[in-house]
Amino acid sequence: MKAIRFLRSFVFAFAGIRAALQSEQNIRFHFTAAAAVILAGLLTGLAAVEWLVLVLVIGGMLAFEMLNSSMERIVDLASPDLHPLAKQAKDMAAGGVLVFAIASAIIGLLIFLPKWF
């Protein structure tokens, strides 16, 4: 029984990823950007530690964007009417994604630019 519940949790998780891809433009952008970075990494010939960093950054970015999207839905459900605190919660979650995206871009530049130039 525990094994079945464990396996079902993967089904639910993949359903969440599918729902995000179907409904969220930003997550589709991040998946596309991740594919471009992976391709660039393959063409550039990155070291193992550089791949480790990129995998962590890509995974973190995708996870953070999905958490932001889920936060937006939770806030919309809890506060269907406009409320300043609901707006702040959504803005803060989006700001967190932006901070991580900027950090990810800087990390990407630090990894790729020395190899390209």
PDB file of N, CA and C in Angstrom:
ATOM      1  N   MET A   1       0.815  -1.207   0.000  1.00  0.00           N
ATOM      2  CA  MET A   1       0.000   0.000   0.000  1.00  0.00           C
ATOM      3  C   MET A   1       0.852   1.262   0.000  1.00  0.00           C
ATOM      4  N   LYS A   2       1.920   1.276   0.801  1.00  0.00           N
ATOM      5  CA  LYS A   2       2.777   2.460   0.835  1.00  0.00           C
ATOM      6  C   LYS A   2       3.436   2.684  -0.511  1.00  0.00           C
ATOM      7  N   ALA A   3       3.809   1.600  -1.187  1.00  0.00           N
ATOM      8  CA  ALA A   3       4.445   1.732  -2.499  1.00  0.00           C
ATOM      9  C   ALA A   3       3.468   2.334  -3.504  1.00  0.00           C
ATOM     10  N   ILE A   4       2.221   1.941  -3.433  1.00  0.00           N
ATOM     11  CA  ILE A   4       1.217   2.476  -4.358  1.00  0.00           C
ATOM     12  C   ILE A   4       1.002   3.966  -4.102  1.00  0.00           C
ATOM     13  N   ARG A   5       0.907   4.343  -2.832  1.00  0.00           N
ATOM     14  CA  ARG A   5       0.755   5.767  -2.505  1.00  0.00           C
ATOM     15  C   ARG A   5       1.968   6.555  -2.965  1.00  0.00           C
ATOM     16  N   PHE A   6       3.148   5.964  -2.784  1.00  0.00           N
ATOM     17  CA  PHE A   6       4.381   6.620  -3.208  1.00  0.00           C
ATOM     18  C   PHE A   6       4.369   6.843  -4.720  1.00  0.00           C
ATOM     19  N   LEU A   7       4.003   5.822  -5.471  1.00  0.00           N
ATOM     20  CA  LEU A   7       3.949   5.942  -6.927  1.00  0.00           C
ATOM     21  C   LEU A   7       2.874   6.928  -7.376  1.00  0.00           C
ATOM     22  N   ARG A   8       1.746   6.938  -6.674  1.00  0.00           N
ATOM     23  CA  ARG A   8       0.677   7.893  -7.011  1.00  0.00           C
ATOM     24  C   ARG A   8       1.144   9.332  -6.817  1.00  0.00           C
ATOM     25  N   SER A   9       2.032   9.561  -5.852  1.00  0.00           N
ATOM     26  CA  SER A   9       2.527  10.922  -5.642  1.00  0.00           C
ATOM     27  C   SER A   9       3.284  11.420  -6.871  1.00  0.00           C
ATOM     28  N   PHE A  10       3.960  10.509  -7.592  1.00  0.00           N
ATOM     29  CA  PHE A  10       4.626  10.900  -8.827  1.00  0.00           C
ATOM     30  C   PHE A  10       3.608  11.248  -9.909  1.00  0.00           C
ATOM     31  N   VAL A  11       2.523  10.506  -9.953  1.00  0.00           N
ATOM     32  CA  VAL A  11       1.462  10.800 -10.924  1.00  0.00           C
ATOM     33  C   VAL A  11       0.926  12.207 -10.675  1.00  0.00           C
ATOM     34  N   PHE A  12       0.680  12.540  -9.416  1.00  0.00           N
ATOM     35  CA  PHE A  12       0.177  13.875  -9.081  1.00  0.00           C
ATOM     36  C   PHE A  12       1.206  14.955  -9.420  1.00  0.00           C
ATOM     37  N   ALA A  13       2.475  14.677  -9.137  1.00  0.00           N
ATOM     38  CA  ALA A  13       3.527  15.651  -9.419  1.00  0.00           C
ATOM     39  C   ALA A  13       3.634  15.913 -10.919  1.00  0.00           C
ATOM     40  N   PHE A  14       3.606  14.849 -11.720  1.00  0.00           N
ATOM     41  CA  PHE A  14       3.659  15.038 -13.172  1.00  0.00           C
ATOM     42  C   PHE A  14       2.411  15.746 -13.690  1.00  0.00           C
ATOM     43  N   ALA A  15       1.274  15.503 -13.065  1.00  0.00           N
ATOM     44  CA  ALA A  15       0.053  16.225 -13.436  1.00  0.00           C
ATOM     45  C   ALA A  15       0.221  17.716 -13.149  1.00  0.00           C
ATOM     46  N   GLY A  16       0.893  18.051 -12.068  1.00  0.00           N
ATOM     47  CA  GLY A  16       1.157  19.452 -11.748  1.00  0.00           C
ATOM     48  C   GLY A  16       2.077  20.104 -12.760  1.00  0.00           C
ATOM     49  N   ILE A  17       3.102  19.379 -13.183  1.00  0.00           N
ATOM     50  CA  ILE A  17       4.010  19.903 -14.206  1.00  0.00           C
ATOM     51  C   ILE A  17       3.247  20.109 -15.516  1.00  0.00           C
ATOM     52  N   ARG A  18       2.426  19.133 -15.895  1.00  0.00           N
ATOM     53  CA  ARG A  18       1.633  19.240 -17.115  1.00  0.00           C
ATOM     54  C   ARG A  18       0.673  20.438 -17.030  1.00  0.00           C
ATOM     55  N   ALA A  19       0.012  20.595 -15.893  1.00  0.00           N
ATOM     56  CA  ALA A  19      -0.915  21.721 -15.721  1.00  0.00           C
ATOM     57  C   ALA A  19      -0.176  23.055 -15.842  1.00  0.00           C
ATOM     58  N   ALA A  20       1.005  23.128 -15.262  1.00  0.00           N
ATOM     59  CA  ALA A  20       1.782  24.360 -15.352  1.00  0.00           C
ATOM     60  C   ALA A  20       2.182  24.643 -16.792  1.00  0.00           C
ATOM     61  N   LEU A  21       2.620  23.624 -17.512  1.00  0.00           N
ATOM     62  CA  LEU A  21       3.022  23.816 -18.910  1.00  0.00           C
ATOM     63  C   LEU A  21       1.836  24.230 -19.780  1.00  0.00           C
ATOM     64  N   GLN A  22       0.659  23.714 -19.466  1.00  0.00           N
ATOM     65  CA  GLN A  22      -0.522  24.030 -20.268  1.00  0.00           C
ATOM     66  C   GLN A  22      -1.066  25.425 -19.972  1.00  0.00           C
ATOM     67  N   SER A  23      -0.876  25.900 -18.758  1.00  0.00           N
ATOM     68  CA  SER A  23      -1.559  27.134 -18.371  1.00  0.00           C
ATOM     69  C   SER A  23      -0.646  28.325 -18.094  1.00  0.00           C
ATOM     70  N   GLU A  24       0.642  28.097 -17.977  1.00  0.00           N
ATOM     71  CA  GLU A  24       1.534  29.185 -17.568  1.00  0.00           C
ATOM     72  C   GLU A  24       2.565  29.502 -18.642  1.00  0.00           C
ATOM     73  N   GLN A  25       2.471  30.699 -19.199  1.00  0.00           N
ATOM     74  CA  GLN A  25       3.414  31.137 -20.224  1.00  0.00           C
ATOM     75  C   GLN A  25       4.839  31.197 -19.671  1.00  0.00           C
ATOM     76  N   ASN A  26       4.996  31.667 -18.453  1.00  0.00           N
ATOM     77  CA  ASN A  26       6.336  31.822 -17.890  1.00  0.00           C
ATOM     78  C   ASN A  26       7.046  30.483 -17.713  1.00  0.00           C
ATOM     79  N   ILE A  27       6.329  29.447 -17.313  1.00  0.00           N
ATOM     80  CA  ILE A  27       6.981  28.153 -17.122  1.00  0.00           C
ATOM     81  C   ILE A  27       7.397  27.588 -18.477  1.00  0.00           C
ATOM     82  N   ARG A  28       6.607  27.836 -19.512  1.00  0.00           N
ATOM     83  CA  ARG A  28       7.010  27.401 -20.858  1.00  0.00           C
ATOM     84  C   ARG A  28       8.271  28.140 -21.297  1.00  0.00           C
ATOM     85  N   PHE A  29       8.354  29.418 -20.986  1.00  0.00           N
ATOM     86  CA  PHE A  29       9.571  30.180 -21.295  1.00  0.00           C
ATOM     87  C   PHE A  29      10.769  29.583 -20.567  1.00  0.00           C
ATOM     88  N   HIS A  30      10.602  29.276 -19.277  1.00  0.00           N
ATOM     89  CA  HIS A  30      11.721  28.739 -18.498  1.00  0.00           C
ATOM     90  C   HIS A  30      12.151  27.359 -18.992  1.00  0.00           C
ATOM     91  N   PHE A  31      11.195  26.521 -19.393  1.00  0.00           N
ATOM     92  CA  PHE A  31      11.554  25.216 -19.966  1.00  0.00           C
ATOM     93  C   PHE A  31      12.314  25.402 -21.278  1.00  0.00           C
ATOM     94  N   THR A  32      11.878  26.352 -22.101  1.00  0.00           N
ATOM     95  CA  THR A  32      12.568  26.627 -23.359  1.00  0.00           C
ATOM     96  C   THR A  32      13.975  27.155 -23.100  1.00  0.00           C
ATOM     97  N   ALA A  33      14.097  28.070 -22.146  1.00  0.00           N
ATOM     98  CA  ALA A  33      15.416  28.600 -21.788  1.00  0.00           C
ATOM     99  C   ALA A  33      16.313  27.488 -21.248  1.00  0.00           C
ATOM    100  N   ALA A  34      15.749  26.592 -20.450  1.00  0.00           N
ATOM    101  CA  ALA A  34      16.527  25.471 -19.917  1.00  0.00           C
ATOM    102  C   ALA A  34      17.044  24.593 -21.050  1.00  0.00           C
ATOM    103  N   ALA A  35      16.205  24.326 -22.034  1.00  0.00           N
ATOM    104  CA  ALA A  35      16.635  23.515 -23.181  1.00  0.00           C
ATOM    105  C   ALA A  35      17.768  24.214 -23.939  1.00  0.00           C
ATOM    106  N   ALA A  36      17.664  25.532 -24.098  1.00  0.00           N
ATOM    107  CA  ALA A  36      18.716  26.285 -24.783  1.00  0.00           C
ATOM    108  C   ALA A  36      20.028  26.237 -23.998  1.00  0.00           C
ATOM    109  N   VAL A  37      19.942  26.354 -22.689  1.00  0.00           N
ATOM    110  CA  VAL A  37      21.144  26.299 -21.851  1.00  0.00           C
ATOM    111  C   VAL A  37      21.771  24.913 -21.909  1.00  0.00           C
ATOM    112  N   ILE A  38      20.954  23.881 -21.880  1.00  0.00           N
ATOM    113  CA  ILE A  38      21.480  22.516 -21.962  1.00  0.00           C
ATOM    114  C   ILE A  38      22.174  22.303 -23.301  1.00  0.00           C
ATOM    115  N   LEU A  39      21.554  22.768 -24.377  1.00  0.00           N
ATOM    116  CA  LEU A  39      22.174  22.652 -25.695  1.00  0.00           C
ATOM    117  C   LEU A  39      23.497  23.424 -25.740  1.00  0.00           C
ATOM    118  N   ALA A  40      23.493  24.629 -25.219  1.00  0.00           N
ATOM    119  CA  ALA A  40      24.725  25.427 -25.182  1.00  0.00           C
ATOM    120  C   ALA A  40      25.802  24.725 -24.356  1.00  0.00           C
ATOM    121  N   GLY A  41      25.388  24.114 -23.259  1.00  0.00           N
ATOM    122  CA  GLY A  41      26.344  23.380 -22.432  1.00  0.00           C
ATOM    123  C   GLY A  41      26.931  22.192 -23.167  1.00  0.00           C
ATOM    124  N   LEU A  42      26.103  21.475 -23.906  1.00  0.00           N
ATOM    125  CA  LEU A  42      26.595  20.329 -24.678  1.00  0.00           C
ATOM    126  C   LEU A  42      27.576  20.782 -25.763  1.00  0.00           C
ATOM    127  N   LEU A  43      27.261  21.891 -26.424  1.00  0.00           N
ATOM    128  CA  LEU A  43      28.126  22.402 -27.480  1.00  0.00           C
ATOM    129  C   LEU A  43      29.403  23.036 -26.940  1.00  0.00           C
ATOM    130  N   THR A  44      29.351  23.515 -25.720  1.00  0.00           N
ATOM    131  CA  THR A  44      30.498  24.194 -25.126  1.00  0.00           C
ATOM    132  C   THR A  44      31.472  23.222 -24.467  1.00  0.00           C
ATOM    133  N   GLY A  45      30.975  22.087 -24.015  1.00  0.00           N
ATOM    134  CA  GLY A  45      31.846  21.128 -23.340  1.00  0.00           C
ATOM    135  C   GLY A  45      32.142  21.540 -21.907  1.00  0.00           C
ATOM    136  N   LEU A  46      31.121  21.568 -21.103  1.00  0.00           N
ATOM    137  CA  LEU A  46      31.263  21.996 -19.717  1.00  0.00           C
ATOM    138  C   LEU A  46      31.881  20.897 -18.856  1.00  0.00           C
ATOM    139  N   ALA A  47      32.526  21.327 -17.787  1.00  0.00           N
ATOM    140  CA  ALA A  47      33.068  20.399 -16.797  1.00  0.00           C
ATOM    141  C   ALA A  47      31.928  19.890 -15.921  1.00  0.00           C
ATOM    142  N   ALA A  48      32.179  18.798 -15.222  1.00  0.00           N
ATOM    143  CA  ALA A  48      31.149  18.181 -14.372  1.00  0.00           C
ATOM    144  C   ALA A  48      30.619  19.153 -13.334  1.00  0.00           C
ATOM    145  N   VAL A  49      31.473  19.925 -12.718  1.00  0.00           N
ATOM    146  CA  VAL A  49      31.013  20.860 -11.680  1.00  0.00           C
ATOM    147  C   VAL A  49      30.163  21.974 -12.292  1.00  0.00           C
ATOM    148  N   GLU A  50      30.466  22.363 -13.521  1.00  0.00           N
ATOM    149  CA  GLU A  50      29.646  23.370 -14.192  1.00  0.00           C
ATOM    150  C   GLU A  50      28.260  22.810 -14.509  1.00  0.00           C
ATOM    151  N   TRP A  51      28.201  21.542 -14.914  1.00  0.00           N
ATOM    152  CA  TRP A  51      26.904  20.899 -15.135  1.00  0.00           C
ATOM    153  C   TRP A  51      26.126  20.817 -13.828  1.00  0.00           C
ATOM    154  N   LEU A  52      26.811  20.514 -12.753  1.00  0.00           N
ATOM    155  CA  LEU A  52      26.155  20.428 -11.447  1.00  0.00           C
ATOM    156  C   LEU A  52      25.495  21.758 -11.103  1.00  0.00           C
ATOM    157  N   VAL A  53      26.225  22.832 -11.281  1.00  0.00           N
ATOM    158  CA  VAL A  53      25.676  24.161 -10.985  1.00  0.00           C
ATOM    159  C   VAL A  53      24.488  24.468 -11.891  1.00  0.00           C
ATOM    160  N   LEU A  54      24.620  24.176 -13.194  1.00  0.00           N
ATOM    161  CA  LEU A  54      23.523  24.455 -14.122  1.00  0.00           C
ATOM    162  C   LEU A  54      22.282  23.639 -13.797  1.00  0.00           C
ATOM    163  N   VAL A  55      22.465  22.372 -13.451  1.00  0.00           N
ATOM    164  CA  VAL A  55      21.304  21.540 -13.097  1.00  0.00           C
ATOM    165  C   VAL A  55      20.604  22.108 -11.867  1.00  0.00           C
ATOM    166  N   LEU A  56      21.372  22.530 -10.889  1.00  0.00           N
ATOM    167  CA  LEU A  56      20.767  23.131  -9.687  1.00  0.00           C
ATOM    168  C   LEU A  56      20.038  24.430 -10.017  1.00  0.00           C
ATOM    169  N   VAL A  57      20.643  25.251 -10.848  1.00  0.00           N
ATOM    170  CA  VAL A  57      20.028  26.530 -11.203  1.00  0.00           C
ATOM    171  C   VAL A  57      18.769  26.304 -12.047  1.00  0.00           C
ATOM    172  N   ILE A  58      18.846  25.426 -13.027  1.00  0.00           N
ATOM    173  CA  ILE A  58      17.674  25.145 -13.866  1.00  0.00           C
ATOM    174  C   ILE A  58      16.556  24.545 -13.020  1.00  0.00           C
ATOM    175  N   GLY A  59      16.887  23.548 -12.216  1.00  0.00           N
ATOM    176  CA  GLY A  59      15.870  22.930 -11.363  1.00  0.00           C
ATOM    177  C   GLY A  59      15.262  23.921 -10.393  1.00  0.00           C
ATOM    178  N   GLY A  60      16.100  24.767  -9.811  1.00  0.00           N
ATOM    179  CA  GLY A  60      15.598  25.783  -8.886  1.00  0.00           C
ATOM    180  C   GLY A  60      14.685  26.777  -9.566  1.00  0.00           C
ATOM    181  N   MET A  61      15.053  27.183 -10.776  1.00  0.00           N
ATOM    182  CA  MET A  61      14.241  28.160 -11.503  1.00  0.00           C
ATOM    183  C   MET A  61      12.875  27.584 -11.847  1.00  0.00           C
ATOM    184  N   LEU A  62      12.863  26.347 -12.354  1.00  0.00           N
ATOM    185  CA  LEU A  62      11.588  25.717 -12.705  1.00  0.00           C
ATOM    186  C   LEU A  62      10.722  25.507 -11.461  1.00  0.00           C
ATOM    187  N   ALA A  63      11.343  25.047 -10.387  1.00  0.00           N
ATOM    188  CA  ALA A  63      10.595  24.827  -9.147  1.00  0.00           C
ATOM    189  C   ALA A  63      10.054  26.144  -8.592  1.00  0.00           C
ATOM    190  N   PHE A  64      10.889  27.169  -8.604  1.00  0.00           N
ATOM    191  CA  PHE A  64      10.477  28.468  -8.077  1.00  0.00           C
ATOM    192  C   PHE A  64       9.312  29.035  -8.887  1.00  0.00           C
ATOM    193  N   GLU A  65       9.370  28.907 -10.205  1.00  0.00           N
ATOM    194  CA  GLU A  65       8.286  29.410 -11.050  1.00  0.00           C
ATOM    195  C   GLU A  65       6.990  28.647 -10.784  1.00  0.00           C
ATOM    196  N   MET A  66       7.094  27.337 -10.582  1.00  0.00           N
ATOM    197  CA  MET A  66       5.889  26.556 -10.287  1.00  0.00           C
ATOM    198  C   MET A  66       5.323  26.917  -8.917  1.00  0.00           C
ATOM    199  N   LEU A  67       6.191  27.156  -7.942  1.00  0.00           N
ATOM    200  CA  LEU A  67       5.713  27.591  -6.622  1.00  0.00           C
ATOM    201  C   LEU A  67       5.043  28.955  -6.713  1.00  0.00           C
ATOM    202  N   ASN A  68       5.606  29.850  -7.518  1.00  0.00           N
ATOM    203  CA  ASN A  68       4.997  31.158  -7.717  1.00  0.00           C
ATOM    204  C   ASN A  68       3.603  31.015  -8.325  1.00  0.00           C
ATOM    205  N   SER A  69       3.482  30.156  -9.332  1.00  0.00           N
ATOM    206  CA  SER A  69       2.179  29.952  -9.972  1.00  0.00           C
ATOM    207  C   SER A  69       1.172  29.361  -8.993  1.00  0.00           C
ATOM    208  N   SER A  70       1.619  28.424  -8.172  1.00  0.00           N
ATOM    209  CA  SER A  70       0.696  27.836  -7.192  1.00  0.00           C
ATOM    210  C   SER A  70       0.307  28.870  -6.134  1.00  0.00           C
ATOM    211  N   MET A  71       1.257  29.730  -5.755  1.00  0.00           N
ATOM    212  CA  MET A  71       0.953  30.799  -4.795  1.00  0.00           C
ATOM    213  C   MET A  71      -0.108  31.736  -5.370  1.00  0.00           C
ATOM    214  N   GLU A  72       0.014  32.077  -6.641  1.00  0.00           N
ATOM    215  CA  GLU A  72      -0.985  32.947  -7.270  1.00  0.00           C
ATOM    216  C   GLU A  72      -2.368  32.315  -7.226  1.00  0.00           C
ATOM    217  N   ARG A  73      -2.451  31.024  -7.497  1.00  0.00           N
ATOM    218  CA  ARG A  73      -3.747  30.347  -7.471  1.00  0.00           C
ATOM    219  C   ARG A  73      -4.318  30.289  -6.058  1.00  0.00           C
ATOM    220  N   ILE A  74      -3.466  30.023  -5.089  1.00  0.00           N
ATOM    221  CA  ILE A  74      -3.925  29.972  -3.696  1.00  0.00           C
ATOM    222  C   ILE A  74      -4.463  31.333  -3.269  1.00  0.00           C
ATOM    223  N   VAL A  75      -3.729  32.387  -3.608  1.00  0.00           N
ATOM    224  CA  VAL A  75      -4.169  33.738  -3.246  1.00  0.00           C
ATOM    225  C   VAL A  75      -5.483  34.072  -3.947  1.00  0.00           C
ATOM    226  N   ASP A  76      -5.584  33.723  -5.232  1.00  0.00           N
ATOM    227  CA  ASP A  76      -6.841  33.989  -5.961  1.00  0.00           C
ATOM    228  C   ASP A  76      -8.012  33.237  -5.335  1.00  0.00           C
ATOM    229  N   LEU A  77      -7.765  32.015  -4.887  1.00  0.00           N
ATOM    230  CA  LEU A  77      -8.819  31.221  -4.256  1.00  0.00           C
ATOM    231  C   LEU A  77      -9.214  31.808  -2.899  1.00  0.00           C
ATOM    232  N   ALA A  78      -8.217  32.204  -2.120  1.00  0.00           N
ATOM    233  CA  ALA A  78      -8.480  32.718  -0.774  1.00  0.00           C
ATOM    234  C   ALA A  78      -9.029  34.141  -0.795  1.00  0.00           C
ATOM    235  N   SER A  79      -8.669  34.899  -1.818  1.00  0.00           N
ATOM    236  CA  SER A  79      -9.077  36.298  -1.883  1.00  0.00           C
ATOM    237  C   SER A  79      -9.527  36.637  -3.306  1.00  0.00           C
ATOM    238  N   PRO A  80     -10.725  36.180  -3.686  1.00  0.00           N
ATOM    239  CA  PRO A  80     -11.179  36.438  -5.057  1.00  0.00           C
ATOM    240  C   PRO A  80     -11.363  37.926  -5.355  1.00  0.00           C
ATOM    241  N   ASP A  81     -11.650  38.717  -4.322  1.00  0.00           N
ATOM    242  CA  ASP A  81     -11.759  40.158  -4.504  1.00  0.00           C
ATOM    243  C   ASP A  81     -10.366  40.773  -4.367  1.00  0.00           C
ATOM    244  N   LEU A  82     -10.186  41.905  -5.015  1.00  0.00           N
ATOM    245  CA  LEU A  82      -8.901  42.592  -4.916  1.00  0.00           C
ATOM    246  C   LEU A  82      -8.656  43.019  -3.471  1.00  0.00           C
ATOM    247  N   HIS A  83      -7.456  42.726  -2.996  1.00  0.00           N
ATOM    248  CA  HIS A  83      -7.072  43.106  -1.638  1.00  0.00           C
ATOM    249  C   HIS A  83      -5.597  43.461  -1.653  1.00  0.00           C
ATOM    250  N   PRO A  84      -5.207  44.522  -0.944  1.00  0.00           N
ATOM    251  CA  PRO A  84      -3.802  44.937  -0.974  1.00  0.00           C
ATOM    252  C   PRO A  84      -2.842  43.845  -0.496  1.00  0.00           C
ATOM    253  N   LEU A  85      -3.232  43.073   0.500  1.00  0.00           N
ATOM    254  CA  LEU A  85      -2.342  42.010   0.993  1.00  0.00           C
ATOM    255  C   LEU A  85      -2.224  40.867  -0.017  1.00  0.00           C
ATOM    256  N   ALA A  86      -3.312  40.576  -0.721  1.00  0.00           N
ATOM    257  CA  ALA A  86      -3.256  39.549  -1.766  1.00  0.00           C
ATOM    258  C   ALA A  86      -2.306  39.997  -2.877  1.00  0.00           C
ATOM    259  N   LYS A  87      -2.396  41.265  -3.254  1.00  0.00           N
ATOM    260  CA  LYS A  87      -1.498  41.793  -4.279  1.00  0.00           C
ATOM    261  C   LYS A  87      -0.055  41.738  -3.809  1.00  0.00           C
ATOM    262  N   GLN A  88       0.194  42.113  -2.575  1.00  0.00           N
ATOM    263  CA  GLN A  88       1.564  42.056  -2.047  1.00  0.00           C
ATOM    264  C   GLN A  88       2.107  40.633  -2.051  1.00  0.00           C
ATOM    265  N   ALA A  89       1.288  39.672  -1.657  1.00  0.00           N
ATOM    266  CA  ALA A  89       1.730  38.272  -1.633  1.00  0.00           C
ATOM    267  C   ALA A  89       2.118  37.816  -3.041  1.00  0.00           C
ATOM    268  N   LYS A  90       1.283  38.136  -4.011  1.00  0.00           N
ATOM    269  CA  LYS A  90       1.575  37.737  -5.386  1.00  0.00           C
ATOM    270  C   LYS A  90       2.801  38.473  -5.929  1.00  0.00           C
ATOM    271  N   ASP A  91       2.911  39.752  -5.622  1.00  0.00           N
ATOM    272  CA  ASP A  91       4.067  40.529  -6.078  1.00  0.00           C
ATOM    273  C   ASP A  91       5.360  40.027  -5.446  1.00  0.00           C
ATOM    274  N   MET A  92       5.303  39.675  -4.162  1.00  0.00           N
ATOM    275  CA  MET A  92       6.502  39.165  -3.490  1.00  0.00           C
ATOM    276  C   MET A  92       6.944  37.832  -4.079  1.00  0.00           C
ATOM    277  N   ALA A  93       5.994  36.960  -4.372  1.00  0.00           N
ATOM    278  CA  ALA A  93       6.329  35.667  -4.981  1.00  0.00           C
ATOM    279  C   ALA A  93       6.952  35.895  -6.363  1.00  0.00           C
ATOM    280  N   ALA A  94       6.380  36.798  -7.134  1.00  0.00           N
ATOM    281  CA  ALA A  94       6.938  37.113  -8.450  1.00  0.00           C
ATOM    282  C   ALA A  94       8.323  37.746  -8.307  1.00  0.00           C
ATOM    283  N   GLY A  95       8.486  38.575  -7.299  1.00  0.00           N
ATOM    284  CA  GLY A  95       9.797  39.176  -7.036  1.00  0.00           C
ATOM    285  C   GLY A  95      10.842  38.125  -6.689  1.00  0.00           C
ATOM    286  N   GLY A  96      10.445  37.118  -5.936  1.00  0.00           N
ATOM    287  CA  GLY A  96      11.364  36.029  -5.615  1.00  0.00           C
ATOM    288  C   GLY A  96      11.820  35.304  -6.870  1.00  0.00           C
ATOM    289  N   VAL A  97      10.904  35.078  -7.795  1.00  0.00           N
ATOM    290  CA  VAL A  97      11.256  34.445  -9.067  1.00  0.00           C
ATOM    291  C   VAL A  97      12.227  35.336  -9.832  1.00  0.00           C
ATOM    292  N   LEU A  98      11.967  36.632  -9.854  1.00  0.00           N
ATOM    293  CA  LEU A  98      12.848  37.558 -10.565  1.00  0.00           C
ATOM    294  C   LEU A  98      14.251  37.561  -9.974  1.00  0.00           C
ATOM    295  N   VAL A  99      14.351  37.579  -8.660  1.00  0.00           N
ATOM    296  CA  VAL A  99      15.666  37.551  -8.001  1.00  0.00           C
ATOM    297  C   VAL A  99      16.430  36.294  -8.404  1.00  0.00           C
ATOM    298  N   PHE A 100      15.758  35.137  -8.381  1.00  0.00           N
ATOM    299  CA  PHE A 100      16.426  33.890  -8.737  1.00  0.00           C
ATOM    300  C   PHE A 100      16.771  33.871 -10.222  1.00  0.00           C
ATOM    301  N   ALA A 101      15.919  34.441 -11.068  1.00  0.00           N
ATOM    302  CA  ALA A 101      16.200  34.495 -12.501  1.00  0.00           C
ATOM    303  C   ALA A 101      17.433  35.352 -12.781  1.00  0.00           C
ATOM    304  N   ILE A 102      17.553  36.476 -12.105  1.00  0.00           N
ATOM    305  CA  ILE A 102      18.726  37.339 -12.281  1.00  0.00           C
ATOM    306  C   ILE A 102      19.986  36.612 -11.813  1.00  0.00           C
ATOM    307  N   ALA A 103      19.906  35.979 -10.648  1.00  0.00           N
ATOM    308  CA  ALA A 103      21.056  35.221 -10.143  1.00  0.00           C
ATOM    309  C   ALA A 103      21.418  34.092 -11.106  1.00  0.00           C
ATOM    310  N   SER A 104      20.406  33.433 -11.672  1.00  0.00           N
ATOM    311  CA  SER A 104      20.649  32.350 -12.621  1.00  0.00           C
ATOM    312  C   SER A 104      21.341  32.869 -13.879  1.00  0.00           C
ATOM    313  N   ALA A 105      20.907  34.017 -14.367  1.00  0.00           N
ATOM    314  CA  ALA A 105      21.527  34.602 -15.554  1.00  0.00           C
ATOM    315  C   ALA A 105      22.987  34.958 -15.282  1.00  0.00           C
ATOM    316  N   ILE A 106      23.256  35.500 -14.116  1.00  0.00           N
ATOM    317  CA  ILE A 106      24.637  35.843 -13.750  1.00  0.00           C
ATOM    318  C   ILE A 106      25.491  34.582 -13.677  1.00  0.00           C
ATOM    319  N   ILE A 107      24.955  33.536 -13.062  1.00  0.00           N
ATOM    320  CA  ILE A 107      25.679  32.261 -12.986  1.00  0.00           C
ATOM    321  C   ILE A 107      25.955  31.737 -14.388  1.00  0.00           C
ATOM    322  N   GLY A 108      24.957  31.789 -15.262  1.00  0.00           N
ATOM    323  CA  GLY A 108      25.153  31.355 -16.641  1.00  0.00           C
ATOM    324  C   GLY A 108      26.252  32.133 -17.341  1.00  0.00           C
ATOM    325  N   LEU A 109      26.255  33.442 -17.159  1.00  0.00           N
ATOM    326  CA  LEU A 109      27.307  34.268 -17.759  1.00  0.00           C
ATOM    327  C   LEU A 109      28.679  33.909 -17.207  1.00  0.00           C
ATOM    328  N   LEU A 110      28.755  33.680 -15.908  1.00  0.00           N
ATOM    329  CA  LEU A 110      30.039  33.318 -15.302  1.00  0.00           C
ATOM    330  C   LEU A 110      30.553  31.970 -15.797  1.00  0.00           C
ATOM    331  N   ILE A 111      29.651  31.081 -16.129  1.00  0.00           N
ATOM    332  CA  ILE A 111      30.060  29.769 -16.642  1.00  0.00           C
ATOM    333  C   ILE A 111      30.416  29.841 -18.119  1.00  0.00           C
ATOM    334  N   PHE A 112      29.570  30.486 -18.922  1.00  0.00           N
ATOM    335  CA  PHE A 112      29.736  30.422 -20.370  1.00  0.00           C
ATOM    336  C   PHE A 112      30.698  31.457 -20.948  1.00  0.00           C
ATOM    337  N   LEU A 113      30.655  32.698 -20.465  1.00  0.00           N
ATOM    338  CA  LEU A 113      31.467  33.733 -21.100  1.00  0.00           C
ATOM    339  C   LEU A 113      32.956  33.412 -21.136  1.00  0.00           C
ATOM    340  N   PRO A 114      33.558  32.934 -20.052  1.00  0.00           N
ATOM    341  CA  PRO A 114      34.999  32.627 -20.136  1.00  0.00           C
ATOM    342  C   PRO A 114      35.307  31.535 -21.170  1.00  0.00           C
ATOM    343  N   LYS A 115      34.383  30.639 -21.409  1.00  0.00           N
ATOM    344  CA  LYS A 115      34.615  29.570 -22.385  1.00  0.00           C
ATOM    345  C   LYS A 115      34.426  30.062 -23.814  1.00  0.00           C
ATOM    346  N   TRP A 116      33.596  31.063 -23.997  1.00  0.00           N
ATOM    347  CA  TRP A 116      33.301  31.567 -25.332  1.00  0.00           C
ATOM    348  C   TRP A 116      34.266  32.656 -25.774  1.00  0.00           C
ATOM    349  N   PHE A 117      34.860  33.379 -24.809  1.00  0.00           N
ATOM    350  CA  PHE A 117      35.725  34.508 -25.172  1.00  0.00           C
ATOM    351  C   PHE A 117      37.118  34.357 -24.601  1.00  0.00           C
TER     352      PHE A 117
END
